[in-house]
N, C-alpha and C. Protein backbone atom coordinates (compact mmCIF):
# COMPACT_ATOMS: atom_id res chain seq x y z
N UNK A 1 24.36 4.78 -10.02
CA UNK A 1 23.55 4.44 -11.17
C UNK A 1 22.68 3.21 -10.90
N UNK A 2 23.28 2.19 -10.26
CA UNK A 2 22.51 0.98 -9.94
C UNK A 2 21.38 1.29 -8.96
N UNK A 3 21.65 2.21 -8.03
CA UNK A 3 20.66 2.57 -7.03
C UNK A 3 19.43 3.19 -7.69
N UNK A 4 19.64 4.04 -8.67
CA UNK A 4 18.53 4.67 -9.38
C UNK A 4 17.75 3.63 -10.17
N UNK A 5 18.47 2.71 -10.81
CA UNK A 5 17.80 1.65 -11.57
C UNK A 5 16.97 0.75 -10.66
N UNK A 6 17.51 0.45 -9.48
CA UNK A 6 16.79 -0.39 -8.53
C UNK A 6 15.52 0.31 -8.04
N UNK A 7 15.63 1.61 -7.74
CA UNK A 7 14.45 2.37 -7.31
C UNK A 7 13.38 2.37 -8.41
N UNK A 8 13.82 2.59 -9.64
CA UNK A 8 12.87 2.61 -10.76
C UNK A 8 12.23 1.24 -10.96
N UNK A 9 12.99 0.17 -10.77
CA UNK A 9 12.46 -1.17 -10.92
C UNK A 9 11.40 -1.46 -9.85
N UNK A 10 11.70 -1.08 -8.61
CA UNK A 10 10.73 -1.28 -7.52
C UNK A 10 9.47 -0.46 -7.78
N UNK A 11 9.66 0.77 -8.20
CA UNK A 11 8.53 1.64 -8.50
C UNK A 11 7.68 1.05 -9.63
N UNK A 12 8.33 0.59 -10.69
CA UNK A 12 7.60 -0.02 -11.81
C UNK A 12 6.89 -1.31 -11.38
N UNK A 13 7.56 -2.11 -10.52
CA UNK A 13 6.95 -3.34 -10.02
C UNK A 13 5.69 -3.05 -9.21
N UNK A 14 5.77 -2.04 -8.36
CA UNK A 14 4.59 -1.74 -7.52
C UNK A 14 3.46 -1.18 -8.38
N UNK A 15 3.78 -0.35 -9.38
CA UNK A 15 2.74 0.16 -10.28
C UNK A 15 2.09 -0.96 -11.08
N UNK A 16 2.89 -1.86 -11.63
CA UNK A 16 2.31 -2.96 -12.41
C UNK A 16 1.54 -3.93 -11.53
N UNK A 17 2.00 -4.08 -10.30
CA UNK A 17 1.28 -4.95 -9.36
C UNK A 17 -0.08 -4.34 -8.99
N UNK A 18 -0.11 -3.04 -8.79
CA UNK A 18 -1.38 -2.37 -8.53
C UNK A 18 -2.32 -2.57 -9.71
N UNK A 19 -1.81 -2.39 -10.91
CA UNK A 19 -2.64 -2.58 -12.11
C UNK A 19 -3.19 -4.00 -12.20
N UNK A 20 -2.33 -4.98 -11.94
CA UNK A 20 -2.80 -6.36 -12.07
C UNK A 20 -3.75 -6.76 -10.94
N UNK A 21 -3.54 -6.25 -9.73
CA UNK A 21 -4.43 -6.64 -8.63
C UNK A 21 -5.77 -5.91 -8.69
N UNK A 22 -5.81 -4.76 -9.37
CA UNK A 22 -7.07 -4.04 -9.49
C UNK A 22 -7.91 -4.53 -10.66
N UNK A 23 -7.28 -5.17 -11.63
CA UNK A 23 -8.01 -5.60 -12.83
C UNK A 23 -8.60 -7.00 -12.71
N UNK A 24 -8.32 -7.67 -11.63
CA UNK A 24 -8.85 -9.02 -11.44
C UNK A 24 -9.67 -9.07 -10.16
N UNK A 25 -10.21 -10.23 -9.87
CA UNK A 25 -10.96 -10.41 -8.63
C UNK A 25 -10.01 -10.22 -7.45
N UNK A 26 -10.43 -9.46 -6.47
CA UNK A 26 -9.58 -9.11 -5.34
C UNK A 26 -9.51 -10.28 -4.38
N UNK A 27 -8.29 -10.80 -4.16
CA UNK A 27 -8.10 -11.86 -3.17
C UNK A 27 -7.51 -11.25 -1.90
N UNK A 28 -7.26 -12.07 -0.89
CA UNK A 28 -6.80 -11.54 0.40
C UNK A 28 -5.41 -10.91 0.29
N UNK A 29 -4.56 -11.47 -0.56
CA UNK A 29 -3.21 -10.92 -0.73
C UNK A 29 -3.27 -9.53 -1.38
N UNK A 30 -4.12 -9.38 -2.38
CA UNK A 30 -4.28 -8.07 -3.03
C UNK A 30 -4.88 -7.06 -2.06
N UNK A 31 -5.83 -7.53 -1.25
CA UNK A 31 -6.44 -6.66 -0.25
C UNK A 31 -5.39 -6.16 0.74
N UNK A 32 -4.51 -7.04 1.19
CA UNK A 32 -3.45 -6.65 2.12
C UNK A 32 -2.50 -5.64 1.48
N UNK A 33 -2.18 -5.84 0.21
CA UNK A 33 -1.34 -4.90 -0.52
C UNK A 33 -2.00 -3.53 -0.58
N UNK A 34 -3.26 -3.47 -0.95
CA UNK A 34 -3.99 -2.22 -1.06
C UNK A 34 -4.04 -1.50 0.29
N UNK A 35 -4.33 -2.25 1.34
CA UNK A 35 -4.40 -1.65 2.68
C UNK A 35 -3.04 -1.10 3.12
N UNK A 36 -1.98 -1.85 2.84
CA UNK A 36 -0.64 -1.41 3.24
C UNK A 36 -0.25 -0.12 2.53
N UNK A 37 -0.59 0.00 1.26
CA UNK A 37 -0.28 1.23 0.51
C UNK A 37 -1.02 2.41 1.11
N UNK A 38 -2.30 2.23 1.40
CA UNK A 38 -3.11 3.31 1.97
C UNK A 38 -2.62 3.67 3.37
N UNK A 39 -2.31 2.65 4.19
CA UNK A 39 -1.81 2.91 5.55
C UNK A 39 -0.53 3.73 5.51
N UNK A 40 0.36 3.38 4.60
CA UNK A 40 1.64 4.09 4.48
C UNK A 40 1.41 5.54 4.07
N UNK A 41 0.57 5.75 3.09
CA UNK A 41 0.37 7.10 2.56
C UNK A 41 -0.35 8.02 3.54
N UNK A 42 -1.38 7.51 4.19
CA UNK A 42 -2.20 8.34 5.07
C UNK A 42 -1.84 8.24 6.54
N UNK A 43 -0.85 7.43 6.89
CA UNK A 43 -0.49 7.19 8.29
C UNK A 43 -1.73 6.75 9.07
N UNK A 44 -2.37 5.72 8.55
CA UNK A 44 -3.62 5.21 9.13
C UNK A 44 -3.35 3.97 9.97
N UNK A 45 -4.20 3.76 10.97
CA UNK A 45 -4.04 2.59 11.83
C UNK A 45 -4.96 1.44 11.43
N UNK A 46 -6.11 1.75 10.90
CA UNK A 46 -7.07 0.72 10.54
C UNK A 46 -7.69 1.11 9.20
N UNK A 47 -7.54 0.27 8.21
CA UNK A 47 -8.07 0.56 6.88
C UNK A 47 -9.00 -0.56 6.47
N UNK A 48 -10.19 -0.19 6.03
CA UNK A 48 -11.13 -1.15 5.48
C UNK A 48 -11.53 -0.65 4.09
N UNK A 49 -11.48 -1.55 3.11
CA UNK A 49 -11.81 -1.18 1.74
C UNK A 49 -13.08 -1.92 1.33
N UNK A 50 -14.08 -1.15 0.93
CA UNK A 50 -15.32 -1.73 0.41
C UNK A 50 -15.25 -1.59 -1.11
N UNK A 51 -14.84 -2.66 -1.78
CA UNK A 51 -14.63 -2.63 -3.23
C UNK A 51 -15.95 -2.44 -3.98
N UNK A 52 -17.03 -2.95 -3.43
CA UNK A 52 -18.32 -2.86 -4.11
C UNK A 52 -18.85 -1.42 -4.10
N UNK A 53 -18.76 -0.76 -2.95
CA UNK A 53 -19.26 0.61 -2.82
C UNK A 53 -18.21 1.68 -3.13
N UNK A 54 -16.98 1.24 -3.42
CA UNK A 54 -15.86 2.13 -3.73
C UNK A 54 -15.60 3.10 -2.58
N UNK A 55 -15.44 2.54 -1.39
CA UNK A 55 -15.21 3.34 -0.19
C UNK A 55 -14.01 2.84 0.58
N UNK A 56 -13.32 3.76 1.22
CA UNK A 56 -12.23 3.47 2.15
C UNK A 56 -12.60 4.08 3.49
N UNK A 57 -12.56 3.28 4.53
CA UNK A 57 -12.80 3.77 5.88
C UNK A 57 -11.52 3.52 6.65
N UNK A 58 -11.00 4.56 7.29
CA UNK A 58 -9.74 4.41 8.01
C UNK A 58 -9.67 5.33 9.20
N UNK A 59 -8.79 4.97 10.14
CA UNK A 59 -8.49 5.81 11.29
C UNK A 59 -7.14 6.46 11.03
N UNK A 60 -7.16 7.78 10.89
CA UNK A 60 -5.93 8.53 10.63
C UNK A 60 -5.30 8.96 11.94
N UNK A 61 -4.00 8.74 12.09
CA UNK A 61 -3.30 9.13 13.31
C UNK A 61 -3.12 10.65 13.28
N UNK A 62 -3.56 11.30 14.35
CA UNK A 62 -3.48 12.76 14.43
C UNK A 62 -2.13 13.21 14.97
N UNK A 63 -1.65 12.51 16.00
CA UNK A 63 -0.42 12.94 16.67
C UNK A 63 0.50 11.75 16.89
N UNK A 64 1.62 11.73 16.19
CA UNK A 64 2.59 10.63 16.31
C UNK A 64 3.42 10.72 17.59
N UNK A 65 3.43 11.85 18.24
CA UNK A 65 4.31 12.02 19.40
C UNK A 65 3.91 11.14 20.57
N UNK A 66 2.66 10.70 20.63
CA UNK A 66 2.22 9.84 21.74
C UNK A 66 2.57 8.38 21.50
N UNK A 67 3.00 8.05 20.30
CA UNK A 67 3.33 6.65 19.98
C UNK A 67 4.70 6.28 20.52
N UNK A 68 4.75 5.14 21.22
CA UNK A 68 6.01 4.61 21.74
C UNK A 68 6.08 3.14 21.36
N UNK A 69 7.04 2.77 20.50
CA UNK A 69 7.11 1.37 20.05
C UNK A 69 7.51 0.39 21.14
N UNK A 70 8.01 0.88 22.27
CA UNK A 70 8.45 0.00 23.36
C UNK A 70 7.35 -0.34 24.35
N UNK A 71 6.21 0.29 24.22
CA UNK A 71 5.09 0.01 25.14
C UNK A 71 3.83 -0.31 24.34
N UNK A 72 2.85 -0.86 25.03
CA UNK A 72 1.56 -1.10 24.41
C UNK A 72 0.82 0.22 24.36
N UNK A 73 0.42 0.62 23.19
CA UNK A 73 -0.24 1.91 22.99
C UNK A 73 -1.75 1.73 23.06
N UNK A 74 -2.32 2.08 24.19
CA UNK A 74 -3.76 1.93 24.35
C UNK A 74 -4.52 3.13 23.83
N UNK A 75 -3.84 4.25 23.70
CA UNK A 75 -4.51 5.43 23.19
C UNK A 75 -3.60 6.19 22.24
N UNK A 76 -4.00 6.21 21.01
CA UNK A 76 -3.35 7.04 20.00
C UNK A 76 -4.47 7.88 19.40
N UNK A 77 -4.33 9.21 19.43
CA UNK A 77 -5.41 10.05 18.89
C UNK A 77 -5.58 9.82 17.38
N UNK A 78 -6.79 9.44 17.00
CA UNK A 78 -7.08 9.18 15.60
C UNK A 78 -8.33 9.93 15.17
N UNK A 79 -8.48 10.01 13.88
CA UNK A 79 -9.63 10.66 13.25
C UNK A 79 -10.23 9.68 12.26
N UNK A 80 -11.50 9.39 12.38
CA UNK A 80 -12.18 8.46 11.46
C UNK A 80 -12.43 9.18 10.13
N UNK A 81 -11.97 8.58 9.05
CA UNK A 81 -12.14 9.17 7.72
C UNK A 81 -12.84 8.17 6.81
N UNK A 82 -13.66 8.68 5.93
CA UNK A 82 -14.42 7.87 4.99
C UNK A 82 -14.22 8.49 3.61
N UNK A 83 -13.50 7.78 2.73
CA UNK A 83 -13.20 8.28 1.40
C UNK A 83 -14.00 7.53 0.35
N UNK A 84 -14.35 8.23 -0.70
CA UNK A 84 -14.95 7.63 -1.88
C UNK A 84 -13.93 7.75 -3.01
N UNK A 85 -13.74 6.69 -3.77
CA UNK A 85 -12.83 6.75 -4.91
C UNK A 85 -13.57 6.37 -6.18
N UNK A 86 -13.17 6.97 -7.29
CA UNK A 86 -13.78 6.63 -8.58
C UNK A 86 -13.12 5.42 -9.20
N UNK A 87 -11.79 5.40 -9.17
CA UNK A 87 -11.02 4.31 -9.77
C UNK A 87 -9.95 3.89 -8.77
N UNK A 88 -10.04 2.67 -8.28
CA UNK A 88 -9.12 2.18 -7.26
C UNK A 88 -7.68 2.19 -7.75
N UNK A 89 -7.45 1.80 -8.97
CA UNK A 89 -6.10 1.75 -9.52
C UNK A 89 -5.46 3.15 -9.51
N UNK A 90 -6.18 4.14 -10.00
CA UNK A 90 -5.65 5.51 -10.00
C UNK A 90 -5.43 6.02 -8.58
N UNK A 91 -6.37 5.69 -7.69
CA UNK A 91 -6.24 6.14 -6.31
C UNK A 91 -4.98 5.54 -5.66
N UNK A 92 -4.78 4.24 -5.82
CA UNK A 92 -3.62 3.59 -5.20
C UNK A 92 -2.31 4.09 -5.82
N UNK A 93 -2.30 4.30 -7.11
CA UNK A 93 -1.09 4.82 -7.76
C UNK A 93 -0.77 6.23 -7.28
N UNK A 94 -1.78 7.00 -6.96
CA UNK A 94 -1.53 8.36 -6.45
C UNK A 94 -0.98 8.33 -5.03
N UNK A 95 -1.13 7.21 -4.34
CA UNK A 95 -0.61 7.07 -2.97
C UNK A 95 0.87 6.68 -2.94
N UNK A 96 1.45 6.33 -4.08
CA UNK A 96 2.84 5.88 -4.12
C UNK A 96 3.78 7.08 -4.02
N UNK A 97 4.61 7.06 -2.99
CA UNK A 97 5.62 8.11 -2.81
C UNK A 97 6.95 7.61 -3.37
N UNK A 98 7.81 8.53 -3.78
CA UNK A 98 9.04 8.14 -4.46
C UNK A 98 10.30 8.45 -3.66
N UNK A 99 10.15 8.75 -2.38
CA UNK A 99 11.33 8.99 -1.54
C UNK A 99 11.97 7.66 -1.15
N UNK A 100 13.19 7.73 -0.64
CA UNK A 100 13.96 6.52 -0.34
C UNK A 100 13.28 5.61 0.69
N UNK A 101 12.73 6.20 1.75
CA UNK A 101 12.07 5.39 2.78
C UNK A 101 10.85 4.66 2.21
N UNK A 102 10.10 5.34 1.38
CA UNK A 102 8.91 4.72 0.79
C UNK A 102 9.28 3.60 -0.17
N UNK A 103 10.31 3.83 -0.98
CA UNK A 103 10.76 2.79 -1.92
C UNK A 103 11.22 1.56 -1.16
N UNK A 104 11.93 1.77 -0.05
CA UNK A 104 12.36 0.63 0.78
C UNK A 104 11.15 -0.09 1.36
N UNK A 105 10.13 0.66 1.77
CA UNK A 105 8.90 0.06 2.29
C UNK A 105 8.23 -0.79 1.21
N UNK A 106 8.14 -0.28 -0.01
CA UNK A 106 7.49 -1.02 -1.09
C UNK A 106 8.27 -2.29 -1.43
N UNK A 107 9.59 -2.20 -1.39
CA UNK A 107 10.41 -3.40 -1.66
C UNK A 107 10.16 -4.46 -0.61
N UNK A 108 10.11 -4.06 0.66
CA UNK A 108 9.85 -5.04 1.72
C UNK A 108 8.42 -5.56 1.64
N UNK A 109 7.50 -4.72 1.21
CA UNK A 109 6.11 -5.14 1.04
C UNK A 109 6.00 -6.18 -0.07
N UNK A 110 6.68 -5.95 -1.17
CA UNK A 110 6.67 -6.92 -2.27
C UNK A 110 7.26 -8.26 -1.82
N UNK A 111 8.34 -8.18 -1.05
CA UNK A 111 8.97 -9.41 -0.55
C UNK A 111 8.09 -10.13 0.46
N UNK A 112 7.54 -9.38 1.39
CA UNK A 112 6.77 -10.00 2.48
C UNK A 112 5.48 -10.65 1.98
N UNK A 113 4.88 -10.09 0.97
CA UNK A 113 3.65 -10.68 0.44
C UNK A 113 3.91 -11.66 -0.69
N UNK A 114 5.20 -11.93 -0.95
CA UNK A 114 5.62 -12.88 -1.99
C UNK A 114 5.08 -12.52 -3.37
N UNK A 115 4.95 -11.23 -3.64
CA UNK A 115 4.48 -10.82 -4.95
C UNK A 115 5.59 -10.84 -5.99
N UNK A 116 6.84 -10.70 -5.57
CA UNK A 116 7.94 -10.64 -6.54
C UNK A 116 8.02 -11.90 -7.38
N UNK A 117 8.01 -13.06 -6.73
CA UNK A 117 8.13 -14.32 -7.46
C UNK A 117 6.94 -14.52 -8.41
N UNK A 118 5.74 -14.26 -7.92
CA UNK A 118 4.55 -14.44 -8.75
C UNK A 118 4.57 -13.46 -9.92
N UNK A 119 4.99 -12.22 -9.65
CA UNK A 119 5.00 -11.20 -10.69
C UNK A 119 6.00 -11.56 -11.78
N UNK A 120 7.18 -12.04 -11.39
CA UNK A 120 8.18 -12.41 -12.38
C UNK A 120 7.74 -13.63 -13.18
N UNK A 121 7.02 -14.56 -12.55
CA UNK A 121 6.49 -15.71 -13.28
C UNK A 121 5.48 -15.25 -14.33
N UNK A 122 4.65 -14.27 -13.95
CA UNK A 122 3.67 -13.75 -14.89
C UNK A 122 4.36 -13.06 -16.07
N UNK A 123 5.42 -12.31 -15.78
CA UNK A 123 6.13 -11.62 -16.85
C UNK A 123 6.82 -12.61 -17.80
N UNK A 124 7.37 -13.69 -17.25
CA UNK A 124 8.06 -14.67 -18.09
C UNK A 124 7.08 -15.44 -18.97
N UNK A 125 5.86 -15.68 -18.45
CA UNK A 125 4.89 -16.44 -19.23
C UNK A 125 4.19 -15.58 -20.28
N UNK A 126 4.26 -14.27 -20.13
CA UNK A 126 3.57 -13.37 -21.09
C UNK A 126 4.35 -13.19 -22.37
């Protein structure tokens, strides 16, 4: 029961964080969050977000079998993709997966970018 509650809390935290970072001026921390979500969802190696033109440019990994974490990977087959989005918040929320590995990734992402403390401070002051 606690495990389900924890998953739901992390999921709600990431959704509310997406909402808050999309509704204000985008800073470098929010940009890193957005890129990490897109990289995770699309298995992309390089993501660039043009907030003004509402575009995402990324390199999608075609074949994971050539990747070896123990060596320097000089060649990984990728495909250049250029996406247009209407609403960044809706787009990022659609990228959120609800499986156990993804939830663990989002929890570590929240911790690593120090969003948890800031988010809880915002909730307490509201």
